[in-house]
């Protein structure tokens, strides 16, 4: 199954800048090390966003979980990187009850 409304998936800029690439975020700092190791940084946030969206729009949902405030979708895929290497990652998206657009929640090594 594909992510519902995948063409409307979005990633708030702060999720990348202040979370995935943050060296000081309590949860994000370990993810920051991973993404920076593969060439992602503040100068190419848009590229990371495009590649994460490509996963949401291309790969199949591996886990669907109904929550009280929406449905969470997990999608595993290959992330292309600035150092011309692809890595396996797991992404998580949510479609909240009051919205039909999939919003990015997190990503981490698979």
PDB file of N, CA and C in Angstrom:
ATOM      1  N   UNK A   1       0.847  -1.180   0.000  1.00  0.00           N
ATOM      2  CA  UNK A   1       0.000   0.000   0.000  1.00  0.00           C
ATOM      3  C   UNK A   1       0.889   1.239   0.000  1.00  0.00           C
ATOM      4  N   UNK A   2       0.477   2.218  -0.759  1.00  0.00           N
ATOM      5  CA  UNK A   2       1.180   3.497  -0.821  1.00  0.00           C
ATOM      6  C   UNK A   2       0.612   4.444   0.249  1.00  0.00           C
ATOM      7  N   UNK A   3       1.410   5.433   0.603  1.00  0.00           N
ATOM      8  CA  UNK A   3       0.975   6.453   1.555  1.00  0.00           C
ATOM      9  C   UNK A   3      -0.217   7.202   0.974  1.00  0.00           C
ATOM     10  N   UNK A   4      -1.340   7.270   1.691  1.00  0.00           N
ATOM     11  CA  UNK A   4      -2.488   8.032   1.186  1.00  0.00           C
ATOM     12  C   UNK A   4      -2.120   9.505   0.975  1.00  0.00           C
ATOM     13  N   UNK A   5      -2.617  10.071  -0.090  1.00  0.00           N
ATOM     14  CA  UNK A   5      -2.366  11.485  -0.414  1.00  0.00           C
ATOM     15  C   UNK A   5      -0.869  11.806  -0.469  1.00  0.00           C
ATOM     16  N   UNK A   6      -0.085  10.848  -0.942  1.00  0.00           N
ATOM     17  CA  UNK A   6       1.376  10.998  -0.960  1.00  0.00           C
ATOM     18  C   UNK A   6       1.841  12.247  -1.698  1.00  0.00           C
ATOM     19  N   UNK A   7       1.091  12.683  -2.697  1.00  0.00           N
ATOM     20  CA  UNK A   7       1.477  13.874  -3.463  1.00  0.00           C
ATOM     21  C   UNK A   7       1.350  15.154  -2.641  1.00  0.00           C
ATOM     22  N   UNK A   8       0.674  15.074  -1.503  1.00  0.00           N
ATOM     23  CA  UNK A   8       0.514  16.240  -0.622  1.00  0.00           C
ATOM     24  C   UNK A   8       1.368  16.141   0.646  1.00  0.00           C
ATOM     25  N   UNK A   9       2.239  15.144   0.698  1.00  0.00           N
ATOM     26  CA  UNK A   9       3.121  14.984   1.862  1.00  0.00           C
ATOM     27  C   UNK A   9       3.983  16.237   2.020  1.00  0.00           C
ATOM     28  N   UNK A  10       4.236  16.586   3.268  1.00  0.00           N
ATOM     29  CA  UNK A  10       5.055  17.774   3.518  1.00  0.00           C
ATOM     30  C   UNK A  10       5.932  17.578   4.745  1.00  0.00           C
ATOM     31  N   UNK A  11       6.999  18.367   4.765  1.00  0.00           N
ATOM     32  CA  UNK A  11       7.953  18.333   5.879  1.00  0.00           C
ATOM     33  C   UNK A  11       8.155  19.756   6.367  1.00  0.00           C
ATOM     34  N   UNK A  12       7.748  20.065   7.581  1.00  0.00           N
ATOM     35  CA  UNK A  12       8.027  21.399   8.114  1.00  0.00           C
ATOM     36  C   UNK A  12       9.545  21.623   8.150  1.00  0.00           C
ATOM     37  N   UNK A  13      10.002  22.773   7.712  1.00  0.00           N
ATOM     38  CA  UNK A  13      11.442  23.057   7.666  1.00  0.00           C
ATOM     39  C   UNK A  13      12.100  22.854   9.023  1.00  0.00           C
ATOM     40  N   UNK A  14      11.385  23.193  10.087  1.00  0.00           N
ATOM     41  CA  UNK A  14      11.963  23.052  11.426  1.00  0.00           C
ATOM     42  C   UNK A  14      12.261  21.593  11.772  1.00  0.00           C
ATOM     43  N   UNK A  15      11.530  20.654  11.173  1.00  0.00           N
ATOM     44  CA  UNK A  15      11.784  19.234  11.436  1.00  0.00           C
ATOM     45  C   UNK A  15      13.164  18.823  10.929  1.00  0.00           C
ATOM     46  N   UNK A  16      13.599  19.433   9.854  1.00  0.00           N
ATOM     47  CA  UNK A  16      14.931  19.122   9.334  1.00  0.00           C
ATOM     48  C   UNK A  16      15.975  19.972  10.039  1.00  0.00           C
ATOM     49  N   UNK A  17      15.771  21.265  10.042  1.00  0.00           N
ATOM     50  CA  UNK A  17      16.760  22.212  10.586  1.00  0.00           C
ATOM     51  C   UNK A  17      16.948  22.071  12.095  1.00  0.00           C
ATOM     52  N   UNK A  18      15.850  21.994  12.836  1.00  0.00           N
ATOM     53  CA  UNK A  18      15.926  22.014  14.304  1.00  0.00           C
ATOM     54  C   UNK A  18      15.800  20.642  14.949  1.00  0.00           C
ATOM     55  N   UNK A  19      15.724  19.594  14.121  1.00  0.00           N
ATOM     56  CA  UNK A  19      15.574  18.243  14.667  1.00  0.00           C
ATOM     57  C   UNK A  19      16.581  17.289  14.024  1.00  0.00           C
ATOM     58  N   UNK A  20      16.383  16.952  12.748  1.00  0.00           N
ATOM     59  CA  UNK A  20      17.265  15.974  12.105  1.00  0.00           C
ATOM     60  C   UNK A  20      18.710  16.449  11.983  1.00  0.00           C
ATOM     61  N   UNK A  21      18.924  17.751  11.832  1.00  0.00           N
ATOM     62  CA  UNK A  21      20.283  18.267  11.681  1.00  0.00           C
ATOM     63  C   UNK A  21      20.762  19.049  12.896  1.00  0.00           C
ATOM     64  N   UNK A  22      20.046  18.936  14.005  1.00  0.00           N
ATOM     65  CA  UNK A  22      20.412  19.672  15.216  1.00  0.00           C
ATOM     66  C   UNK A  22      21.377  18.859  16.083  1.00  0.00           C
ATOM     67  N   UNK A  23      22.518  19.457  16.365  1.00  0.00           N
ATOM     68  CA  UNK A  23      23.497  18.813  17.241  1.00  0.00           C
ATOM     69  C   UNK A  23      23.136  18.962  18.722  1.00  0.00           C
ATOM     70  N   UNK A  24      22.129  19.789  19.013  1.00  0.00           N
ATOM     71  CA  UNK A  24      21.774  20.016  20.414  1.00  0.00           C
ATOM     72  C   UNK A  24      20.404  19.458  20.801  1.00  0.00           C
ATOM     73  N   UNK A  25      19.608  19.051  19.849  1.00  0.00           N
ATOM     74  CA  UNK A  25      18.277  18.496  20.173  1.00  0.00           C
ATOM     75  C   UNK A  25      18.456  17.169  20.917  1.00  0.00           C
ATOM     76  N   UNK A  26      17.756  16.981  22.034  1.00  0.00           N
ATOM     77  CA  UNK A  26      17.941  15.757  22.838  1.00  0.00           C
ATOM     78  C   UNK A  26      17.748  14.454  22.054  1.00  0.00           C
ATOM     79  N   UNK A  27      16.784  14.420  21.172  1.00  0.00           N
ATOM     80  CA  UNK A  27      16.546  13.219  20.372  1.00  0.00           C
ATOM     81  C   UNK A  27      17.218  13.316  19.009  1.00  0.00           C
ATOM     82  N   UNK A  28      17.211  14.490  18.449  1.00  0.00           N
ATOM     83  CA  UNK A  28      17.718  14.681  17.097  1.00  0.00           C
ATOM     84  C   UNK A  28      19.222  14.618  16.948  1.00  0.00           C
ATOM     85  N   UNK A  29      19.969  14.860  18.015  1.00  0.00           N
ATOM     86  CA  UNK A  29      21.424  14.937  17.859  1.00  0.00           C
ATOM     87  C   UNK A  29      22.045  13.625  17.384  1.00  0.00           C
ATOM     88  N   UNK A  30      21.511  12.495  17.770  1.00  0.00           N
ATOM     89  CA  UNK A  30      22.058  11.232  17.264  1.00  0.00           C
ATOM     90  C   UNK A  30      21.712  11.061  15.786  1.00  0.00           C
ATOM     91  N   UNK A  31      20.559  11.545  15.389  1.00  0.00           N
ATOM     92  CA  UNK A  31      20.167  11.504  13.985  1.00  0.00           C
ATOM     93  C   UNK A  31      21.004  12.478  13.168  1.00  0.00           C
ATOM     94  N   UNK A  32      21.327  13.606  13.785  1.00  0.00           N
ATOM     95  CA  UNK A  32      22.156  14.602  13.123  1.00  0.00           C
ATOM     96  C   UNK A  32      23.516  14.017  12.736  1.00  0.00           C
ATOM     97  N   UNK A  33      24.108  13.258  13.601  1.00  0.00           N
ATOM     98  CA  UNK A  33      25.398  12.619  13.298  1.00  0.00           C
ATOM     99  C   UNK A  33      25.271  11.716  12.076  1.00  0.00           C
ATOM    100  N   UNK A  34      24.191  10.954  12.038  1.00  0.00           N
ATOM    101  CA  UNK A  34      23.949  10.056  10.914  1.00  0.00           C
ATOM    102  C   UNK A  34      23.808  10.838   9.606  1.00  0.00           C
ATOM    103  N   UNK A  35      22.921  11.822   9.565  1.00  0.00           N
ATOM    104  CA  UNK A  35      22.674  12.559   8.328  1.00  0.00           C
ATOM    105  C   UNK A  35      23.890  13.376   7.893  1.00  0.00           C
ATOM    106  N   UNK A  36      24.595  13.962   8.839  1.00  0.00           N
ATOM    107  CA  UNK A  36      25.800  14.730   8.507  1.00  0.00           C
ATOM    108  C   UNK A  36      26.908  13.822   7.964  1.00  0.00           C
ATOM    109  N   UNK A  37      26.987  12.596   8.455  1.00  0.00           N
ATOM    110  CA  UNK A  37      27.990  11.650   7.985  1.00  0.00           C
ATOM    111  C   UNK A  37      27.828  11.388   6.480  1.00  0.00           C
ATOM    112  N   UNK A  38      26.613  11.538   5.980  1.00  0.00           N
ATOM    113  CA  UNK A  38      26.344  11.293   4.571  1.00  0.00           C
ATOM    114  C   UNK A  38      26.220  12.583   3.757  1.00  0.00           C
ATOM    115  N   UNK A  39      26.694  13.706   4.323  1.00  0.00           N
ATOM    116  CA  UNK A  39      26.804  14.946   3.560  1.00  0.00           C
ATOM    117  C   UNK A  39      25.675  15.935   3.690  1.00  0.00           C
ATOM    118  N   UNK A  40      24.687  15.654   4.525  1.00  0.00           N
ATOM    119  CA  UNK A  40      23.595  16.612   4.708  1.00  0.00           C
ATOM    120  C   UNK A  40      23.984  17.628   5.780  1.00  0.00           C
ATOM    121  N   UNK A  41      23.624  18.891   5.549  1.00  0.00           N
ATOM    122  CA  UNK A  41      23.889  19.966   6.510  1.00  0.00           C
ATOM    123  C   UNK A  41      22.956  21.141   6.214  1.00  0.00           C
ATOM    124  N   UNK A  42      23.200  22.257   6.866  1.00  0.00           N
ATOM    125  CA  UNK A  42      22.328  23.428   6.724  1.00  0.00           C
ATOM    126  C   UNK A  42      22.324  24.006   5.313  1.00  0.00           C
ATOM    127  N   UNK A  43      23.330  23.707   4.528  1.00  0.00           N
ATOM    128  CA  UNK A  43      23.398  24.267   3.171  1.00  0.00           C
ATOM    129  C   UNK A  43      22.582  23.475   2.153  1.00  0.00           C
ATOM    130  N   UNK A  44      22.132  22.286   2.522  1.00  0.00           N
ATOM    131  CA  UNK A  44      21.377  21.484   1.553  1.00  0.00           C
ATOM    132  C   UNK A  44      20.107  20.876   2.163  1.00  0.00           C
ATOM    133  N   UNK A  45      19.457  21.642   3.004  1.00  0.00           N
ATOM    134  CA  UNK A  45      18.209  21.208   3.635  1.00  0.00           C
ATOM    135  C   UNK A  45      17.166  20.832   2.581  1.00  0.00           C
ATOM    136  N   UNK A  46      17.102  21.615   1.499  1.00  0.00           N
ATOM    137  CA  UNK A  46      16.111  21.353   0.458  1.00  0.00           C
ATOM    138  C   UNK A  46      16.327  19.996  -0.203  1.00  0.00           C
ATOM    139  N   UNK A  47      17.580  19.606  -0.356  1.00  0.00           N
ATOM    140  CA  UNK A  47      17.887  18.308  -0.967  1.00  0.00           C
ATOM    141  C   UNK A  47      17.417  17.178  -0.053  1.00  0.00           C
ATOM    142  N   UNK A  48      17.707  17.297   1.237  1.00  0.00           N
ATOM    143  CA  UNK A  48      17.252  16.288   2.191  1.00  0.00           C
ATOM    144  C   UNK A  48      15.726  16.203   2.167  1.00  0.00           C
ATOM    145  N   UNK A  49      15.074  17.343   2.136  1.00  0.00           N
ATOM    146  CA  UNK A  49      13.611  17.365   2.081  1.00  0.00           C
ATOM    147  C   UNK A  49      13.104  16.636   0.831  1.00  0.00           C
ATOM    148  N   UNK A  50      13.689  16.922  -0.318  1.00  0.00           N
ATOM    149  CA  UNK A  50      13.268  16.280  -1.572  1.00  0.00           C
ATOM    150  C   UNK A  50      13.450  14.769  -1.511  1.00  0.00           C
ATOM    151  N   UNK A  51      14.576  14.323  -0.973  1.00  0.00           N
ATOM    152  CA  UNK A  51      14.847  12.889  -0.916  1.00  0.00           C
ATOM    153  C   UNK A  51      13.924  12.175   0.072  1.00  0.00           C
ATOM    154  N   UNK A  52      13.596  12.827   1.182  1.00  0.00           N
ATOM    155  CA  UNK A  52      12.651  12.230   2.136  1.00  0.00           C
ATOM    156  C   UNK A  52      11.252  12.153   1.523  1.00  0.00           C
ATOM    157  N   UNK A  53      10.857  13.192   0.822  1.00  0.00           N
ATOM    158  CA  UNK A  53       9.556  13.181   0.158  1.00  0.00           C
ATOM    159  C   UNK A  53       9.504  12.096  -0.918  1.00  0.00           C
ATOM    160  N   UNK A  54      10.620  11.886  -1.605  1.00  0.00           N
ATOM    161  CA  UNK A  54      10.661  10.843  -2.631  1.00  0.00           C
ATOM    162  C   UNK A  54      10.391   9.467  -2.014  1.00  0.00           C
ATOM    163  N   UNK A  55      10.922   9.228  -0.825  1.00  0.00           N
ATOM    164  CA  UNK A  55      10.645   7.965  -0.133  1.00  0.00           C
ATOM    165  C   UNK A  55       9.147   7.842   0.128  1.00  0.00           C
ATOM    166  N   UNK A  56       8.541   8.904   0.640  1.00  0.00           N
ATOM    167  CA  UNK A  56       7.101   8.877   0.950  1.00  0.00           C
ATOM    168  C   UNK A  56       6.262   8.640  -0.294  1.00  0.00           C
ATOM    169  N   UNK A  57       6.718   9.145  -1.415  1.00  0.00           N
ATOM    170  CA  UNK A  57       5.922   9.071  -2.638  1.00  0.00           C
ATOM    171  C   UNK A  57       6.221   7.843  -3.490  1.00  0.00           C
ATOM    172  N   UNK A  58       7.289   7.116  -3.164  1.00  0.00           N
ATOM    173  CA  UNK A  58       7.724   6.002  -4.007  1.00  0.00           C
ATOM    174  C   UNK A  58       7.548   4.637  -3.361  1.00  0.00           C
ATOM    175  N   UNK A  59       7.937   4.527  -2.112  1.00  0.00           N
ATOM    176  CA  UNK A  59       7.961   3.225  -1.439  1.00  0.00           C
ATOM    177  C   UNK A  59       6.621   2.890  -0.797  1.00  0.00           C
ATOM    178  N   UNK A  60       6.437   1.612  -0.509  1.00  0.00           N
ATOM    179  CA  UNK A  60       5.217   1.146   0.141  1.00  0.00           C
ATOM    180  C   UNK A  60       5.273   1.365   1.657  1.00  0.00           C
ATOM    181  N   UNK A  61       4.111   1.537   2.243  1.00  0.00           N
ATOM    182  CA  UNK A  61       3.969   1.614   3.695  1.00  0.00           C
ATOM    183  C   UNK A  61       4.279   0.229   4.262  1.00  0.00           C
ATOM    184  N   UNK A  62       5.126   0.195   5.293  1.00  0.00           N
ATOM    185  CA  UNK A  62       5.452  -1.090   5.920  1.00  0.00           C
ATOM    186  C   UNK A  62       4.660  -1.308   7.209  1.00  0.00           C
ATOM    187  N   UNK A  63       4.299  -0.212   7.881  1.00  0.00           N
ATOM    188  CA  UNK A  63       3.514  -0.308   9.117  1.00  0.00           C
ATOM    189  C   UNK A  63       2.470   0.809   9.107  1.00  0.00           C
ATOM    190  N   UNK A  64       1.248   0.465   9.455  1.00  0.00           N
ATOM    191  CA  UNK A  64       0.173   1.448   9.619  1.00  0.00           C
ATOM    192  C   UNK A  64      -0.362   1.295  11.036  1.00  0.00           C
ATOM    193  N   UNK A  65      -0.415   2.406  11.762  1.00  0.00           N
ATOM    194  CA  UNK A  65      -0.853   2.354  13.155  1.00  0.00           C
ATOM    195  C   UNK A  65      -1.899   3.429  13.417  1.00  0.00           C
ATOM    196  N   UNK A  66      -3.068   3.015  13.852  1.00  0.00           N
ATOM    197  CA  UNK A  66      -4.122   3.970  14.177  1.00  0.00           C
ATOM    198  C   UNK A  66      -3.887   4.516  15.574  1.00  0.00           C
ATOM    199  N   UNK A  67      -3.894   5.823  15.689  1.00  0.00           N
ATOM    200  CA  UNK A  67      -3.716   6.522  16.958  1.00  0.00           C
ATOM    201  C   UNK A  67      -4.968   7.332  17.253  1.00  0.00           C
ATOM    202  N   UNK A  68      -5.077   7.860  18.431  1.00  0.00           N
ATOM    203  CA  UNK A  68      -6.255   8.653  18.780  1.00  0.00           C
ATOM    204  C   UNK A  68      -6.338   9.948  17.962  1.00  0.00           C
ATOM    205  N   UNK A  69      -5.198  10.469  17.521  1.00  0.00           N
ATOM    206  CA  UNK A  69      -5.188  11.741  16.789  1.00  0.00           C
ATOM    207  C   UNK A  69      -4.891  11.592  15.302  1.00  0.00           C
ATOM    208  N   UNK A  70      -4.832  10.346  14.798  1.00  0.00           N
ATOM    209  CA  UNK A  70      -4.602  10.150  13.375  1.00  0.00           C
ATOM    210  C   UNK A  70      -4.051   8.767  13.078  1.00  0.00           C
ATOM    211  N   UNK A  71      -3.474   8.632  11.894  1.00  0.00           N
ATOM    212  CA  UNK A  71      -2.880   7.363  11.483  1.00  0.00           C
ATOM    213  C   UNK A  71      -1.409   7.596  11.166  1.00  0.00           C
ATOM    214  N   UNK A  72      -0.570   6.777  11.780  1.00  0.00           N
ATOM    215  CA  UNK A  72       0.880   6.872  11.593  1.00  0.00           C
ATOM    216  C   UNK A  72       1.300   5.818  10.573  1.00  0.00           C
ATOM    217  N   UNK A  73       2.155   6.237   9.636  1.00  0.00           N
ATOM    218  CA  UNK A  73       2.637   5.359   8.588  1.00  0.00           C
ATOM    219  C   UNK A  73       4.158   5.286   8.632  1.00  0.00           C
ATOM    220  N   UNK A  74       4.687   4.092   8.577  1.00  0.00           N
ATOM    221  CA  UNK A  74       6.128   3.886   8.530  1.00  0.00           C
ATOM    222  C   UNK A  74       6.479   3.409   7.129  1.00  0.00           C
ATOM    223  N   UNK A  75       7.499   4.038   6.563  1.00  0.00           N
ATOM    224  CA  UNK A  75       7.941   3.704   5.213  1.00  0.00           C
ATOM    225  C   UNK A  75       9.454   3.538   5.225  1.00  0.00           C
ATOM    226  N   UNK A  76       9.908   2.371   4.808  1.00  0.00           N
ATOM    227  CA  UNK A  76      11.339   2.107   4.681  1.00  0.00           C
ATOM    228  C   UNK A  76      11.743   2.361   3.238  1.00  0.00           C
ATOM    229  N   UNK A  77      12.921   2.952   3.063  1.00  0.00           N
ATOM    230  CA  UNK A  77      13.377   3.221   1.705  1.00  0.00           C
ATOM    231  C   UNK A  77      14.841   3.566   1.646  1.00  0.00           C
ATOM    232  N   UNK A  78      15.306   3.854   0.452  1.00  0.00           N
ATOM    233  CA  UNK A  78      16.690   4.254   0.206  1.00  0.00           C
ATOM    234  C   UNK A  78      16.740   5.771   0.110  1.00  0.00           C
ATOM    235  N   UNK A  79      17.640   6.349   0.876  1.00  0.00           N
ATOM    236  CA  UNK A  79      17.852   7.791   0.854  1.00  0.00           C
ATOM    237  C   UNK A  79      19.114   8.068   0.063  1.00  0.00           C
ATOM    238  N   UNK A  80      18.990   8.842  -0.996  1.00  0.00           N
ATOM    239  CA  UNK A  80      20.165   9.243  -1.759  1.00  0.00           C
ATOM    240  C   UNK A  80      20.835  10.383  -1.017  1.00  0.00           C
ATOM    241  N   UNK A  81      22.158  10.434  -1.090  1.00  0.00           N
ATOM    242  CA  UNK A  81      22.900  11.401  -0.286  1.00  0.00           C
ATOM    243  C   UNK A  81      23.837  12.238  -1.147  1.00  0.00           C
ATOM    244  N   UNK A  82      24.271  13.384  -0.628  1.00  0.00           N
ATOM    245  CA  UNK A  82      25.204  14.236  -1.374  1.00  0.00           C
ATOM    246  C   UNK A  82      26.557  13.568  -1.663  1.00  0.00           C
ATOM    247  N   UNK A  83      26.894  12.520  -0.922  1.00  0.00           N
ATOM    248  CA  UNK A  83      28.174  11.856  -1.191  1.00  0.00           C
ATOM    249  C   UNK A  83      27.986  10.675  -2.153  1.00  0.00           C
ATOM    250  N   UNK A  84      26.875  10.700  -2.879  1.00  0.00           N
ATOM    251  CA  UNK A  84      26.567   9.728  -3.920  1.00  0.00           C
ATOM    252  C   UNK A  84      26.569   8.296  -3.376  1.00  0.00           C
ATOM    253  N   UNK A  85      25.941   8.148  -2.264  1.00  0.00           N
ATOM    254  CA  UNK A  85      25.750   6.832  -1.676  1.00  0.00           C
ATOM    255  C   UNK A  85      24.316   6.789  -1.194  1.00  0.00           C
ATOM    256  N   UNK A  86      23.673   5.657  -1.357  1.00  0.00           N
ATOM    257  CA  UNK A  86      22.327   5.564  -0.816  1.00  0.00           C
ATOM    258  C   UNK A  86      22.358   4.701   0.441  1.00  0.00           C
ATOM    259  N   UNK A  87      21.517   5.085   1.397  1.00  0.00           N
ATOM    260  CA  UNK A  87      21.463   4.393   2.678  1.00  0.00           C
ATOM    261  C   UNK A  87      20.012   4.021   2.977  1.00  0.00           C
ATOM    262  N   UNK A  88      19.840   2.938   3.691  1.00  0.00           N
ATOM    263  CA  UNK A  88      18.499   2.507   4.084  1.00  0.00           C
ATOM    264  C   UNK A  88      18.060   3.281   5.316  1.00  0.00           C
ATOM    265  N   UNK A  89      16.869   3.856   5.221  1.00  0.00           N
ATOM    266  CA  UNK A  89      16.326   4.569   6.381  1.00  0.00           C
ATOM    267  C   UNK A  89      14.858   4.206   6.551  1.00  0.00           C
ATOM    268  N   UNK A  90      14.372   4.494   7.715  1.00  0.00           N
ATOM    269  CA  UNK A  90      12.957   4.338   8.047  1.00  0.00           C
ATOM    270  C   UNK A  90      12.405   5.740   8.252  1.00  0.00           C
ATOM    271  N   UNK A  91      11.295   6.031   7.604  1.00  0.00           N
ATOM    272  CA  UNK A  91      10.637   7.320   7.787  1.00  0.00           C
ATOM    273  C   UNK A  91       9.271   7.089   8.421  1.00  0.00           C
ATOM    274  N   UNK A  92       8.813   8.083   9.153  1.00  0.00           N
ATOM    275  CA  UNK A  92       7.499   7.998   9.800  1.00  0.00           C
ATOM    276  C   UNK A  92       6.717   9.253   9.416  1.00  0.00           C
ATOM    277  N   UNK A  93       5.475   9.036   9.032  1.00  0.00           N
ATOM    278  CA  UNK A  93       4.571  10.098   8.597  1.00  0.00           C
ATOM    279  C   UNK A  93       3.265   9.945   9.367  1.00  0.00           C
ATOM    280  N   UNK A  94       2.526  11.033   9.505  1.00  0.00           N
ATOM    281  CA  UNK A  94       1.222  10.959  10.164  1.00  0.00           C
ATOM    282  C   UNK A  94       0.208  11.761   9.368  1.00  0.00           C
ATOM    283  N   UNK A  95      -0.980  11.224   9.294  1.00  0.00           N
ATOM    284  CA  UNK A  95      -2.119  11.978   8.772  1.00  0.00           C
ATOM    285  C   UNK A  95      -3.048  12.164   9.964  1.00  0.00           C
ATOM    286  N   UNK A  96      -3.117  13.394  10.422  1.00  0.00           N
ATOM    287  CA  UNK A  96      -3.915  13.683  11.604  1.00  0.00           C
ATOM    288  C   UNK A  96      -5.401  13.712  11.256  1.00  0.00           C
ATOM    289  N   UNK A  97      -6.227  13.498  12.249  1.00  0.00           N
ATOM    290  CA  UNK A  97      -7.673  13.432  12.042  1.00  0.00           C
ATOM    291  C   UNK A  97      -8.239  14.673  11.366  1.00  0.00           C
ATOM    292  N   UNK A  98      -7.681  15.823  11.635  1.00  0.00           N
ATOM    293  CA  UNK A  98      -8.212  17.075  11.100  1.00  0.00           C
ATOM    294  C   UNK A  98      -7.513  17.522   9.816  1.00  0.00           C
ATOM    295  N   UNK A  99      -6.747  16.637   9.185  1.00  0.00           N
ATOM    296  CA  UNK A  99      -6.000  16.988   7.975  1.00  0.00           C
ATOM    297  C   UNK A  99      -5.915  15.751   7.089  1.00  0.00           C
ATOM    298  N   UNK A 100      -5.728  15.938   5.811  1.00  0.00           N
ATOM    299  CA  UNK A 100      -5.571  14.776   4.937  1.00  0.00           C
ATOM    300  C   UNK A 100      -4.178  14.711   4.317  1.00  0.00           C
ATOM    301  N   UNK A 101      -3.305  15.626   4.739  1.00  0.00           N
ATOM    302  CA  UNK A 101      -1.941  15.653   4.207  1.00  0.00           C
ATOM    303  C   UNK A 101      -0.996  14.897   5.128  1.00  0.00           C
ATOM    304  N   UNK A 102      -0.177  14.002   4.568  1.00  0.00           N
ATOM    305  CA  UNK A 102       0.821  13.313   5.388  1.00  0.00           C
ATOM    306  C   UNK A 102       1.928  14.271   5.823  1.00  0.00           C
ATOM    307  N   UNK A 103       2.155  14.335   7.111  1.00  0.00           N
ATOM    308  CA  UNK A 103       3.209  15.200   7.671  1.00  0.00           C
ATOM    309  C   UNK A 103       4.348  14.326   8.160  1.00  0.00           C
ATOM    310  N   UNK A 104       5.555  14.749   7.853  1.00  0.00           N
ATOM    311  CA  UNK A 104       6.760  14.036   8.281  1.00  0.00           C
ATOM    312  C   UNK A 104       6.893  14.114   9.791  1.00  0.00           C
ATOM    313  N   UNK A 105       7.242  12.971  10.408  1.00  0.00           N
ATOM    314  CA  UNK A 105       7.459  12.910  11.848  1.00  0.00           C
ATOM    315  C   UNK A 105       8.939  12.718  12.168  1.00  0.00           C
ATOM    316  N   UNK A 106       9.558  11.706  11.561  1.00  0.00           N
ATOM    317  CA  UNK A 106      10.969  11.438  11.848  1.00  0.00           C
ATOM    318  C   UNK A 106      11.563  10.499  10.798  1.00  0.00           C
ATOM    319  N   UNK A 107      12.866  10.358  10.867  1.00  0.00           N
ATOM    320  CA  UNK A 107      13.601   9.407  10.021  1.00  0.00           C
ATOM    321  C   UNK A 107      14.831   8.953  10.798  1.00  0.00           C
ATOM    322  N   UNK A 108      15.223   7.716  10.570  1.00  0.00           N
ATOM    323  CA  UNK A 108      16.395   7.182  11.246  1.00  0.00           C
ATOM    324  C   UNK A 108      16.919   5.987  10.462  1.00  0.00           C
ATOM    325  N   UNK A 109      18.150   5.572  10.733  1.00  0.00           N
ATOM    326  CA  UNK A 109      18.712   4.428  10.004  1.00  0.00           C
ATOM    327  C   UNK A 109      17.864   3.181  10.196  1.00  0.00           C
ATOM    328  N   UNK A 110      17.720   2.443   9.131  1.00  0.00           N
ATOM    329  CA  UNK A 110      16.918   1.213   9.184  1.00  0.00           C
ATOM    330  C   UNK A 110      17.808   0.025   9.500  1.00  0.00           C
TER     331      UNK A 110
END
